[in-house]
Amino acid sequence: MDAERVRELWQQLDRESGRVVIGQSDTLRMLMVALLADGHVLLEGVPGTGKTLLVRTFATCLGLEGKRIQFTPDLLPGDIIGTNLFDFQTNRFTLTRGPVFTEVLLADEINRTPPKTQAALLEAMQERSVTVDGQTHTLARDFFVLATQNPIEHEGTYPLPEAQLDRFVFKLVMSYPPRDSEVEMVRVHGHRTAMPRIEDFHITQVLSRELLGEVRDYVASLRVADDVLQYIVDLVRATRHDPSLRVGGSPRACNVLASAARAWAVLEGRDFVIPDDVKALLLPVLRHRVILSPAVEVEGRTADEVLTQIGAQVAPPR
């Protein structure tokens, strides 16, 4: 395995998924980076931008099993992880597995369920295991959570706690596609109003589970130069001292930024990380890990604006 081979695989995956999901290549790249970095993604976007279709297409291209949970206010933790039911034939309790026992889990509108149910995903996301009645059950090696939330409707929602937000490698903002892409999207999907059937597009599987594991191991083995590591730490530490932020990035944010930068570099066809890789990932890694000061919130500034300013102030290595 080498960087050029990974780049070729990524380009093939991008072409295959682009036949179904049009105009979201940048978002797809970030999903791939997160998967190779062993993380999860929080996807924010208004309804109708293709979040669900993107996730289903992504899982199909990788040959991974995918399941979907529609989060609602009455959803219980057992609806996610499963419950032990008594089997009268064997006189034993057996686990009825919930949808979390999969590889790619789409947690749709995760902020519509109470914190107790949201917390049911915490252990699964961090440890890749769940505990039911004191017994731990291991999840798939490729377990990957893609959670969505609607940024417009806040009535009847429950903001994600900081501990859970910190489990996501990226928070991605899925915007509207460019005009040309939207015209092409209507040309491809405009004859139906229902969700397109992935099977109708005859997508070719790009990576096997074994090959995905090889790529992930190769990404993790990349060495990052000391000056780039110092740049990563300086960027995160700068968020802790900026007066515009009440809470800055944690040490975990440094590790996440370094891991994601490795994956980004490999998708670019390089076996080394450069400062531009780090800078490209600054917003998606940190925008959900920092908290604005009250004065900045009153001014109407966003976390992205503050982080962009910090990124411009911290000098990259030469």
C-alpha atoms as a PDB file:
ATOM      1  CA  MET A   1       0.000   0.000   0.000  1.00  0.00           C
ATOM      2  CA  ASP A   2       1.244   3.495  -0.847  1.00  0.00           C
ATOM      3  CA  ALA A   3      -0.177   7.001  -1.055  1.00  0.00           C
ATOM      4  CA  GLU A   4      -0.638   6.959  -4.825  1.00  0.00           C
ATOM      5  CA  ARG A   5      -2.637   3.723  -4.620  1.00  0.00           C
ATOM      6  CA  VAL A   6      -4.898   5.243  -1.939  1.00  0.00           C
ATOM      7  CA  ARG A   7      -5.396   8.342  -4.069  1.00  0.00           C
ATOM      8  CA  GLU A   8      -6.478   6.182  -7.007  1.00  0.00           C
ATOM      9  CA  LEU A   9      -8.965   4.321  -4.809  1.00  0.00           C
ATOM     10  CA  TRP A  10     -10.357   7.606  -3.521  1.00  0.00           C
ATOM     11  CA  GLN A  11     -10.793   8.984  -7.036  1.00  0.00           C
ATOM     12  CA  GLN A  12     -12.616   5.813  -8.049  1.00  0.00           C
ATOM     13  CA  LEU A  13     -14.897   6.078  -5.023  1.00  0.00           C
ATOM     14  CA  ASP A  14     -15.559   9.735  -5.797  1.00  0.00           C
ATOM     15  CA  ARG A  15     -16.552   8.881  -9.377  1.00  0.00           C
ATOM     16  CA  GLU A  16     -18.869   6.051  -8.323  1.00  0.00           C
ATOM     17  CA  SER A  17     -20.643   8.063  -5.643  1.00  0.00           C
ATOM     18  CA  GLY A  18     -20.838  11.087  -7.952  1.00  0.00           C
ATOM     19  CA  ARG A  19     -23.192   9.126 -10.197  1.00  0.00           C
ATOM     20  CA  VAL A  20     -25.763   9.212  -7.393  1.00  0.00           C
ATOM     21  CA  VAL A  21     -24.881  12.177  -5.153  1.00  0.00           C
ATOM     22  CA  ILE A  22     -24.080  15.204  -7.280  1.00  0.00           C
ATOM     23  CA  GLY A  23     -22.203  18.293  -6.133  1.00  0.00           C
ATOM     24  CA  GLN A  24     -21.093  16.957  -2.734  1.00  0.00           C
ATOM     25  CA  SER A  25     -17.591  15.704  -3.526  1.00  0.00           C
ATOM     26  CA  ASP A  26     -16.019  17.851  -0.792  1.00  0.00           C
ATOM     27  CA  THR A  27     -18.352  16.418   1.839  1.00  0.00           C
ATOM     28  CA  LEU A  28     -17.668  12.894   0.627  1.00  0.00           C
ATOM     29  CA  ARG A  29     -13.917  13.508   0.939  1.00  0.00           C
ATOM     30  CA  MET A  30     -14.393  14.561   4.556  1.00  0.00           C
ATOM     31  CA  LEU A  31     -16.401  11.402   5.278  1.00  0.00           C
ATOM     32  CA  MET A  32     -13.539   9.322   3.878  1.00  0.00           C
ATOM     33  CA  VAL A  33     -10.982  11.239   5.933  1.00  0.00           C
ATOM     34  CA  ALA A  34     -13.034  10.662   9.088  1.00  0.00           C
ATOM     35  CA  LEU A  35     -13.408   6.945   8.366  1.00  0.00           C
ATOM     36  CA  LEU A  36      -9.651   6.541   7.812  1.00  0.00           C
ATOM     37  CA  ALA A  37      -9.012   8.513  11.007  1.00  0.00           C
ATOM     38  CA  ASP A  38     -11.226   6.094  12.981  1.00  0.00           C
ATOM     39  CA  GLY A  39     -13.750   8.798  13.797  1.00  0.00           C
ATOM     40  CA  HIS A  40     -17.381   9.793  13.401  1.00  0.00           C
ATOM     41  CA  VAL A  41     -19.070  12.734  11.678  1.00  0.00           C
ATOM     42  CA  LEU A  42     -21.809  15.179  12.646  1.00  0.00           C
ATOM     43  CA  LEU A  43     -23.482  16.379   9.456  1.00  0.00           C
ATOM     44  CA  GLU A  44     -25.500  19.586   9.637  1.00  0.00           C
ATOM     45  CA  GLY A  45     -27.692  20.729   6.793  1.00  0.00           C
ATOM     46  CA  VAL A  46     -31.184  21.819   5.887  1.00  0.00           C
ATOM     47  CA  PRO A  47     -33.639  19.133   4.696  1.00  0.00           C
ATOM     48  CA  GLY A  48     -33.352  18.076   1.077  1.00  0.00           C
ATOM     49  CA  THR A  49     -29.591  18.481   0.621  1.00  0.00           C
ATOM     50  CA  GLY A  50     -29.048  14.731   0.229  1.00  0.00           C
ATOM     51  CA  LYS A  51     -27.551  13.806   3.602  1.00  0.00           C
ATOM     52  CA  THR A  52     -29.272  10.414   3.810  1.00  0.00           C
ATOM     53  CA  LEU A  53     -28.566   9.594   0.168  1.00  0.00           C
ATOM     54  CA  LEU A  54     -24.910  10.519   0.617  1.00  0.00           C
ATOM     55  CA  VAL A  55     -24.501   8.192   3.603  1.00  0.00           C
ATOM     56  CA  ARG A  56     -26.219   5.272   1.863  1.00  0.00           C
ATOM     57  CA  THR A  57     -24.111   5.744  -1.260  1.00  0.00           C
ATOM     58  CA  PHE A  58     -20.926   6.000   0.794  1.00  0.00           C
ATOM     59  CA  ALA A  59     -21.648   2.711   2.590  1.00  0.00           C
ATOM     60  CA  THR A  60     -22.500   0.953  -0.688  1.00  0.00           C
ATOM     61  CA  CYS A  61     -19.253   2.040  -2.362  1.00  0.00           C
ATOM     62  CA  LEU A  62     -17.317   0.594   0.569  1.00  0.00           C
ATOM     63  CA  GLY A  63     -19.341  -2.605   0.738  1.00  0.00           C
ATOM     64  CA  LEU A  64     -20.289  -1.924   4.358  1.00  0.00           C
ATOM     65  CA  GLU A  65     -23.579  -2.735   6.045  1.00  0.00           C
ATOM     66  CA  GLY A  66     -25.609   0.361   6.803  1.00  0.00           C
ATOM     67  CA  LYS A  67     -28.556   1.013   9.090  1.00  0.00           C
ATOM     68  CA  ARG A  68     -30.589   4.092   9.931  1.00  0.00           C
ATOM     69  CA  ILE A  69     -32.151   5.318  13.158  1.00  0.00           C
ATOM     70  CA  GLN A  70     -34.728   8.097  13.055  1.00  0.00           C
ATOM     71  CA  PHE A  71     -34.257   9.877  16.386  1.00  0.00           C
ATOM     72  CA  THR A  72     -37.491  11.025  18.011  1.00  0.00           C
ATOM     73  CA  PRO A  73     -38.391  12.374  21.480  1.00  0.00           C
ATOM     74  CA  ASP A  74     -39.821   8.997  22.572  1.00  0.00           C
ATOM     75  CA  LEU A  75     -36.817   6.915  21.449  1.00  0.00           C
ATOM     76  CA  LEU A  76     -35.320   4.812  24.267  1.00  0.00           C
ATOM     77  CA  PRO A  77     -31.710   3.611  24.728  1.00  0.00           C
ATOM     78  CA  GLY A  78     -32.881   0.031  24.216  1.00  0.00           C
ATOM     79  CA  ASP A  79     -34.207   0.999  20.793  1.00  0.00           C
ATOM     80  CA  ILE A  80     -30.618   1.761  19.800  1.00  0.00           C
ATOM     81  CA  ILE A  81     -28.445  -0.852  21.498  1.00  0.00           C
ATOM     82  CA  GLY A  82     -31.025  -3.623  21.976  1.00  0.00           C
ATOM     83  CA  THR A  83     -32.397  -5.473  25.008  1.00  0.00           C
ATOM     84  CA  ASN A  84     -32.100  -8.847  26.695  1.00  0.00           C
ATOM     85  CA  LEU A  85     -35.264 -10.909  26.251  1.00  0.00           C
ATOM     86  CA  PHE A  86     -36.064 -14.158  28.031  1.00  0.00           C
ATOM     87  CA  ASP A  87     -36.235 -17.190  25.769  1.00  0.00           C
ATOM     88  CA  PHE A  88     -38.658 -19.723  27.279  1.00  0.00           C
ATOM     89  CA  GLN A  89     -37.309 -22.512  25.077  1.00  0.00           C
ATOM     90  CA  THR A  90     -33.757 -22.239  26.399  1.00  0.00           C
ATOM     91  CA  ASN A  91     -34.600 -20.635  29.777  1.00  0.00           C
ATOM     92  CA  ARG A  92     -31.983 -18.006  29.082  1.00  0.00           C
ATOM     93  CA  PHE A  93     -31.842 -14.306  28.321  1.00  0.00           C
ATOM     94  CA  THR A  94     -30.666 -13.561  24.793  1.00  0.00           C
ATOM     95  CA  LEU A  95     -29.707 -10.227  23.320  1.00  0.00           C
ATOM     96  CA  THR A  96     -32.012  -8.805  20.687  1.00  0.00           C
ATOM     97  CA  ARG A  97     -29.531  -6.605  18.887  1.00  0.00           C
ATOM     98  CA  GLY A  98     -30.438  -3.019  18.065  1.00  0.00           C
ATOM     99  CA  PRO A  99     -29.487  -1.105  14.927  1.00  0.00           C
ATOM    100  CA  VAL A 100     -26.175  -0.029  16.502  1.00  0.00           C
ATOM    101  CA  PHE A 101     -24.852  -3.483  15.559  1.00  0.00           C
ATOM    102  CA  THR A 102     -23.860  -2.457  12.059  1.00  0.00           C
ATOM    103  CA  GLU A 103     -20.912  -0.836  10.263  1.00  0.00           C
ATOM    104  CA  VAL A 104     -22.243   2.512   9.003  1.00  0.00           C
ATOM    105  CA  LEU A 105     -24.932   3.925  11.286  1.00  0.00           C
ATOM    106  CA  LEU A 106     -26.981   6.904  10.125  1.00  0.00           C
ATOM    107  CA  ALA A 107     -28.281   8.682  13.222  1.00  0.00           C
ATOM    108  CA  ASP A 108     -30.884  10.927  11.618  1.00  0.00           C
ATOM    109  CA  GLU A 109     -31.782  14.137  13.509  1.00  0.00           C
ATOM    110  CA  ILE A 110     -29.846  13.070  16.575  1.00  0.00           C
ATOM    111  CA  ASN A 111     -30.737  16.283  18.422  1.00  0.00           C
ATOM    112  CA  ARG A 112     -34.436  15.346  18.494  1.00  0.00           C
ATOM    113  CA  THR A 113     -33.994  12.711  21.191  1.00  0.00           C
ATOM    114  CA  PRO A 114     -33.413  13.298  24.948  1.00  0.00           C
ATOM    115  CA  PRO A 115     -29.882  13.254  26.432  1.00  0.00           C
ATOM    116  CA  LYS A 116     -30.372   9.806  28.004  1.00  0.00           C
ATOM    117  CA  THR A 117     -30.891   8.276  24.575  1.00  0.00           C
ATOM    118  CA  GLN A 118     -28.134  10.364  22.994  1.00  0.00           C
ATOM    119  CA  ALA A 119     -25.779   9.014  25.654  1.00  0.00           C
ATOM    120  CA  ALA A 120     -26.518   5.458  24.522  1.00  0.00           C
ATOM    121  CA  LEU A 121     -24.280   6.177  21.538  1.00  0.00           C
ATOM    122  CA  LEU A 122     -21.383   7.524  23.645  1.00  0.00           C
ATOM    123  CA  GLU A 123     -19.844   4.173  24.556  1.00  0.00           C
ATOM    124  CA  ALA A 124     -20.469   2.811  21.069  1.00  0.00           C
ATOM    125  CA  MET A 125     -18.718   5.766  19.429  1.00  0.00           C
ATOM    126  CA  GLN A 126     -15.755   5.851  21.795  1.00  0.00           C
ATOM    127  CA  GLU A 127     -15.172   2.200  22.671  1.00  0.00           C
ATOM    128  CA  ARG A 128     -16.870   0.479  19.709  1.00  0.00           C
ATOM    129  CA  SER A 129     -18.782  -1.639  22.192  1.00  0.00           C
ATOM    130  CA  VAL A 130     -22.069  -1.484  24.109  1.00  0.00           C
ATOM    131  CA  THR A 131     -23.024  -2.743  27.540  1.00  0.00           C
ATOM    132  CA  VAL A 132     -26.401  -4.393  28.115  1.00  0.00           C
ATOM    133  CA  ASP A 133     -27.250  -5.570  31.652  1.00  0.00           C
ATOM    134  CA  GLY A 134     -23.590  -5.517  32.638  1.00  0.00           C
ATOM    135  CA  GLN A 135     -22.377  -7.537  29.651  1.00  0.00           C
ATOM    136  CA  THR A 136     -20.172  -5.898  27.035  1.00  0.00           C
ATOM    137  CA  HIS A 137     -20.749  -6.607  23.350  1.00  0.00           C
ATOM    138  CA  THR A 138     -18.163  -5.653  20.739  1.00  0.00           C
ATOM    139  CA  LEU A 139     -19.231  -3.743  17.635  1.00  0.00           C
ATOM    140  CA  ALA A 140     -17.822  -4.044  14.112  1.00  0.00           C
ATOM    141  CA  ARG A 141     -14.247  -2.903  13.475  1.00  0.00           C
ATOM    142  CA  ASP A 142     -15.503  -0.458  10.831  1.00  0.00           C
ATOM    143  CA  PHE A 143     -18.296   0.968  13.042  1.00  0.00           C
ATOM    144  CA  PHE A 144     -18.850   4.504  11.812  1.00  0.00           C
ATOM    145  CA  VAL A 145     -21.536   6.957  12.982  1.00  0.00           C
ATOM    146  CA  LEU A 146     -22.863   9.667  10.686  1.00  0.00           C
ATOM    147  CA  ALA A 147     -25.241  11.803  12.701  1.00  0.00           C
ATOM    148  CA  THR A 148     -27.370  14.521  11.107  1.00  0.00           C
ATOM    149  CA  GLN A 149     -29.095  17.539  12.555  1.00  0.00           C
ATOM    150  CA  ASN A 150     -31.216  20.322  11.149  1.00  0.00           C
ATOM    151  CA  PRO A 151     -29.748  23.798  11.871  1.00  0.00           C
ATOM    152  CA  ILE A 152     -33.054  25.614  11.336  1.00  0.00           C
ATOM    153  CA  GLU A 153     -35.639  23.975  13.598  1.00  0.00           C
ATOM    154  CA  HIS A 154     -34.800  24.214  17.305  1.00  0.00           C
ATOM    155  CA  GLU A 155     -38.240  23.651  18.815  1.00  0.00           C
ATOM    156  CA  GLY A 156     -38.430  20.250  20.469  1.00  0.00           C
ATOM    157  CA  THR A 157     -34.700  19.579  20.127  1.00  0.00           C
ATOM    158  CA  TYR A 158     -32.061  18.689  22.722  1.00  0.00           C
ATOM    159  CA  PRO A 159     -28.596  20.212  22.130  1.00  0.00           C
ATOM    160  CA  LEU A 160     -25.867  17.588  22.122  1.00  0.00           C
ATOM    161  CA  PRO A 161     -23.754  17.650  25.317  1.00  0.00           C
ATOM    162  CA  GLU A 162     -20.123  18.715  24.981  1.00  0.00           C
ATOM    163  CA  ALA A 163     -18.924  15.188  25.846  1.00  0.00           C
ATOM    164  CA  GLN A 164     -20.809  13.767  22.886  1.00  0.00           C
ATOM    165  CA  LEU A 165     -19.833  16.541  20.488  1.00  0.00           C
ATOM    166  CA  ASP A 166     -16.205  15.834  21.327  1.00  0.00           C
ATOM    167  CA  ARG A 167     -16.639  12.247  20.054  1.00  0.00           C
ATOM    168  CA  PHE A 168     -17.169  13.489  16.514  1.00  0.00           C
ATOM    169  CA  VAL A 169     -14.029  13.986  14.446  1.00  0.00           C
ATOM    170  CA  PHE A 170     -15.770  16.539  12.219  1.00  0.00           C
ATOM    171  CA  LYS A 171     -18.797  18.736  12.228  1.00  0.00           C
ATOM    172  CA  LEU A 172     -19.579  19.285   8.564  1.00  0.00           C
ATOM    173  CA  VAL A 173     -21.949  21.919   7.251  1.00  0.00           C
ATOM    174  CA  MET A 174     -23.627  20.526   4.146  1.00  0.00           C
ATOM    175  CA  SER A 175     -24.525  23.493   1.969  1.00  0.00           C
ATOM    176  CA  TYR A 176     -26.497  23.737  -1.246  1.00  0.00           C
ATOM    177  CA  PRO A 177     -24.666  22.446  -4.348  1.00  0.00           C
ATOM    178  CA  PRO A 178     -23.435  24.829  -7.070  1.00  0.00           C
ATOM    179  CA  ARG A 179     -25.929  25.769  -9.782  1.00  0.00           C
ATOM    180  CA  ASP A 180     -24.440  23.501 -12.461  1.00  0.00           C
ATOM    181  CA  SER A 181     -24.437  20.565 -10.045  1.00  0.00           C
ATOM    182  CA  GLU A 182     -28.032  21.270  -9.077  1.00  0.00           C
ATOM    183  CA  VAL A 183     -29.064  21.293 -12.756  1.00  0.00           C
ATOM    184  CA  GLU A 184     -27.339  17.917 -13.214  1.00  0.00           C
ATOM    185  CA  MET A 185     -29.020  16.612 -10.062  1.00  0.00           C
ATOM    186  CA  VAL A 186     -32.447  17.514 -11.429  1.00  0.00           C
ATOM    187  CA  ARG A 187     -31.523  15.862 -14.725  1.00  0.00           C
ATOM    188  CA  VAL A 188     -30.623  12.609 -12.938  1.00  0.00           C
ATOM    189  CA  HIS A 189     -33.209  12.538 -10.145  1.00  0.00           C
ATOM    190  CA  GLY A 190     -35.902  14.944 -11.326  1.00  0.00           C
ATOM    191  CA  HIS A 191     -38.210  12.195 -12.613  1.00  0.00           C
ATOM    192  CA  ARG A 192     -38.973  10.987  -9.072  1.00  0.00           C
ATOM    193  CA  THR A 193     -39.958  12.550  -5.754  1.00  0.00           C
ATOM    194  CA  ALA A 194     -39.079   9.577  -3.532  1.00  0.00           C
ATOM    195  CA  MET A 195     -35.583   8.685  -2.350  1.00  0.00           C
ATOM    196  CA  PRO A 196     -33.592   7.221  -5.284  1.00  0.00           C
ATOM    197  CA  ARG A 197     -32.924   3.502  -5.064  1.00  0.00           C
ATOM    198  CA  ILE A 198     -29.194   2.873  -4.790  1.00  0.00           C
ATOM    199  CA  GLU A 199     -29.660  -0.482  -6.520  1.00  0.00           C
ATOM    200  CA  ASP A 200     -30.861   1.253  -9.690  1.00  0.00           C
ATOM    201  CA  PHE A 201     -27.435   2.828 -10.233  1.00  0.00           C
ATOM    202  CA  HIS A 202     -25.488  -0.475 -10.122  1.00  0.00           C
ATOM    203  CA  ILE A 203     -22.670   1.020  -8.056  1.00  0.00           C
ATOM    204  CA  THR A 204     -19.368  -0.841  -8.133  1.00  0.00           C
ATOM    205  CA  GLN A 205     -17.858  -1.602  -4.741  1.00  0.00           C
ATOM    206  CA  VAL A 206     -14.506   0.175  -4.580  1.00  0.00           C
ATOM    207  CA  LEU A 207     -12.948  -1.171  -1.377  1.00  0.00           C
ATOM    208  CA  SER A 208     -13.300  -4.461   0.458  1.00  0.00           C
ATOM    209  CA  ARG A 209     -13.183  -4.614   4.248  1.00  0.00           C
ATOM    210  CA  GLU A 210      -9.677  -6.062   4.048  1.00  0.00           C
ATOM    211  CA  LEU A 211      -8.450  -3.332   1.703  1.00  0.00           C
ATOM    212  CA  LEU A 212     -10.054  -0.652   3.867  1.00  0.00           C
ATOM    213  CA  GLY A 213      -8.182  -2.060   6.851  1.00  0.00           C
ATOM    214  CA  GLU A 214      -4.897  -1.912   4.916  1.00  0.00           C
ATOM    215  CA  VAL A 215      -5.520   1.709   3.957  1.00  0.00           C
ATOM    216  CA  ARG A 216      -6.388   2.631   7.535  1.00  0.00           C
ATOM    217  CA  ASP A 217      -3.225   0.951   8.864  1.00  0.00           C
ATOM    218  CA  TYR A 218      -1.133   2.735   6.232  1.00  0.00           C
ATOM    219  CA  VAL A 219      -2.607   6.115   7.188  1.00  0.00           C
ATOM    220  CA  ALA A 220      -1.921   5.494  10.881  1.00  0.00           C
ATOM    221  CA  SER A 221       1.715   4.590  10.113  1.00  0.00           C
ATOM    222  CA  LEU A 222       2.508   7.937   8.472  1.00  0.00           C
ATOM    223  CA  ARG A 223       5.057   9.968  10.383  1.00  0.00           C
ATOM    224  CA  VAL A 224       4.330  13.654  10.896  1.00  0.00           C
ATOM    225  CA  ALA A 225       7.321  16.010  11.081  1.00  0.00           C
ATOM    226  CA  ASP A 226       7.990  17.624  14.440  1.00  0.00           C
ATOM    227  CA  ASP A 227       7.460  21.157  13.151  1.00  0.00           C
ATOM    228  CA  VAL A 228       4.009  20.186  11.787  1.00  0.00           C
ATOM    229  CA  LEU A 229       3.122  18.543  15.116  1.00  0.00           C
ATOM    230  CA  GLN A 230       4.133  21.728  16.901  1.00  0.00           C
ATOM    231  CA  TYR A 231       1.982  23.724  14.467  1.00  0.00           C
ATOM    232  CA  ILE A 232      -1.027  21.525  15.305  1.00  0.00           C
ATOM    233  CA  VAL A 233      -0.519  22.031  19.034  1.00  0.00           C
ATOM    234  CA  ASP A 234       0.021  25.789  18.634  1.00  0.00           C
ATOM    235  CA  LEU A 235      -3.234  26.135  16.677  1.00  0.00           C
ATOM    236  CA  VAL A 236      -5.280  24.306  19.305  1.00  0.00           C
ATOM    237  CA  ARG A 237      -3.584  26.087  22.208  1.00  0.00           C
ATOM    238  CA  ALA A 238      -4.294  29.445  20.548  1.00  0.00           C
ATOM    239  CA  THR A 239      -8.023  28.722  20.833  1.00  0.00           C
ATOM    240  CA  ARG A 240      -7.661  28.446  24.620  1.00  0.00           C
ATOM    241  CA  HIS A 241      -6.186  31.930  24.961  1.00  0.00           C
ATOM    242  CA  ASP A 242      -8.326  33.808  22.451  1.00  0.00           C
ATOM    243  CA  PRO A 243     -10.707  36.220  24.229  1.00  0.00           C
ATOM    244  CA  SER A 244     -13.409  35.501  21.666  1.00  0.00           C
ATOM    245  CA  LEU A 245     -13.717  31.930  22.960  1.00  0.00           C
ATOM    246  CA  ARG A 246     -14.975  30.883  26.378  1.00  0.00           C
ATOM    247  CA  VAL A 247     -13.752  27.307  25.851  1.00  0.00           C
ATOM    248  CA  GLY A 248     -10.998  26.300  23.437  1.00  0.00           C
ATOM    249  CA  GLY A 249      -9.930  23.005  21.932  1.00  0.00           C
ATOM    250  CA  SER A 250      -8.999  20.087  24.201  1.00  0.00           C
ATOM    251  CA  PRO A 251      -5.848  17.921  23.945  1.00  0.00           C
ATOM    252  CA  ARG A 252      -8.046  15.387  22.157  1.00  0.00           C
ATOM    253  CA  ALA A 253      -8.530  17.988  19.421  1.00  0.00           C
ATOM    254  CA  CYS A 254      -4.744  17.931  18.821  1.00  0.00           C
ATOM    255  CA  ASN A 255      -4.793  14.162  18.336  1.00  0.00           C
ATOM    256  CA  VAL A 256      -7.838  14.333  16.062  1.00  0.00           C
ATOM    257  CA  LEU A 257      -6.301  17.094  13.941  1.00  0.00           C
ATOM    258  CA  ALA A 258      -3.075  15.121  13.516  1.00  0.00           C
ATOM    259  CA  SER A 259      -4.887  11.890  12.654  1.00  0.00           C
ATOM    260  CA  ALA A 260      -7.199  13.590  10.164  1.00  0.00           C
ATOM    261  CA  ALA A 261      -4.278  15.440   8.555  1.00  0.00           C
ATOM    262  CA  ARG A 262      -2.593  12.090   7.871  1.00  0.00           C
ATOM    263  CA  ALA A 263      -5.692  10.815   6.075  1.00  0.00           C
ATOM    264  CA  TRP A 264      -6.097  14.079   4.132  1.00  0.00           C
ATOM    265  CA  ALA A 265      -2.479  13.931   2.952  1.00  0.00           C
ATOM    266  CA  VAL A 266      -2.835  10.332   1.750  1.00  0.00           C
ATOM    267  CA  LEU A 267      -5.976  11.156  -0.243  1.00  0.00           C
ATOM    268  CA  GLU A 268      -3.887  13.881  -1.878  1.00  0.00           C
ATOM    269  CA  GLY A 269      -1.361  11.223  -2.906  1.00  0.00           C
ATOM    270  CA  ARG A 270       1.348  12.172  -0.400  1.00  0.00           C
ATOM    271  CA  ASP A 271       3.031  10.123   2.306  1.00  0.00           C
ATOM    272  CA  PHE A 272       3.798  13.197   4.402  1.00  0.00           C
ATOM    273  CA  VAL A 273       1.731  15.936   6.041  1.00  0.00           C
ATOM    274  CA  ILE A 274       2.158  19.612   5.198  1.00  0.00           C
ATOM    275  CA  PRO A 275       0.799  22.641   7.098  1.00  0.00           C
ATOM    276  CA  ASP A 276      -1.859  23.216   4.425  1.00  0.00           C
ATOM    277  CA  ASP A 277      -3.376  19.813   5.299  1.00  0.00           C
ATOM    278  CA  VAL A 278      -3.747  20.926   8.902  1.00  0.00           C
ATOM    279  CA  LYS A 279      -5.198  24.292   7.942  1.00  0.00           C
ATOM    280  CA  ALA A 280      -7.753  22.685   5.616  1.00  0.00           C
ATOM    281  CA  LEU A 281      -9.128  20.666   8.542  1.00  0.00           C
ATOM    282  CA  LEU A 282      -9.071  23.367  11.222  1.00  0.00           C
ATOM    283  CA  LEU A 283     -12.741  24.380  10.946  1.00  0.00           C
ATOM    284  CA  PRO A 284     -14.393  20.943  10.712  1.00  0.00           C
ATOM    285  CA  VAL A 285     -12.273  19.617  13.600  1.00  0.00           C
ATOM    286  CA  LEU A 286     -12.715  22.570  15.972  1.00  0.00           C
ATOM    287  CA  ARG A 287     -15.988  24.333  15.154  1.00  0.00           C
ATOM    288  CA  HIS A 288     -17.985  22.041  17.494  1.00  0.00           C
ATOM    289  CA  ARG A 289     -15.279  21.869  20.172  1.00  0.00           C
ATOM    290  CA  VAL A 290     -15.074  25.562  21.011  1.00  0.00           C
ATOM    291  CA  ILE A 291     -17.609  27.771  22.778  1.00  0.00           C
ATOM    292  CA  LEU A 292     -17.939  31.440  21.922  1.00  0.00           C
ATOM    293  CA  SER A 293     -17.770  34.107  24.605  1.00  0.00           C
ATOM    294  CA  PRO A 294     -21.073  35.908  25.365  1.00  0.00           C
ATOM    295  CA  ALA A 295     -19.796  39.171  23.864  1.00  0.00           C
ATOM    296  CA  VAL A 296     -18.956  37.497  20.560  1.00  0.00           C
ATOM    297  CA  GLU A 297     -22.371  35.786  20.450  1.00  0.00           C
ATOM    298  CA  VAL A 298     -24.044  39.172  20.915  1.00  0.00           C
ATOM    299  CA  GLU A 299     -22.003  40.538  18.014  1.00  0.00           C
ATOM    300  CA  GLY A 300     -23.358  37.719  15.840  1.00  0.00           C
ATOM    301  CA  ARG A 301     -19.952  36.261  14.971  1.00  0.00           C
ATOM    302  CA  THR A 302     -19.614  32.530  14.364  1.00  0.00           C
ATOM    303  CA  ALA A 303     -17.100  29.927  15.518  1.00  0.00           C
ATOM    304  CA  ASP A 304     -15.905  29.592  11.912  1.00  0.00           C
ATOM    305  CA  GLU A 305     -15.053  33.292  11.756  1.00  0.00           C
ATOM    306  CA  VAL A 306     -13.115  33.180  15.020  1.00  0.00           C
ATOM    307  CA  LEU A 307     -11.232  30.009  14.042  1.00  0.00           C
ATOM    308  CA  THR A 308     -10.364  31.437  10.621  1.00  0.00           C
ATOM    309  CA  GLN A 309      -8.887  34.472  12.353  1.00  0.00           C
ATOM    310  CA  ILE A 310      -6.875  32.282  14.719  1.00  0.00           C
ATOM    311  CA  GLY A 311      -5.620  30.207  11.786  1.00  0.00           C
ATOM    312  CA  ALA A 312      -4.360  33.381  10.110  1.00  0.00           C
ATOM    313  CA  GLN A 313      -2.557  34.511  13.269  1.00  0.00           C
ATOM    314  CA  VAL A 314      -0.633  31.297  14.008  1.00  0.00           C
ATOM    315  CA  ALA A 315       2.383  31.136  11.714  1.00  0.00           C
ATOM    316  CA  PRO A 316       2.886  27.792   9.910  1.00  0.00           C
ATOM    317  CA  PRO A 317       6.345  26.187   9.829  1.00  0.00           C
ATOM    318  CA  ARG A 318       8.574  27.019   6.855  1.00  0.00           C
END
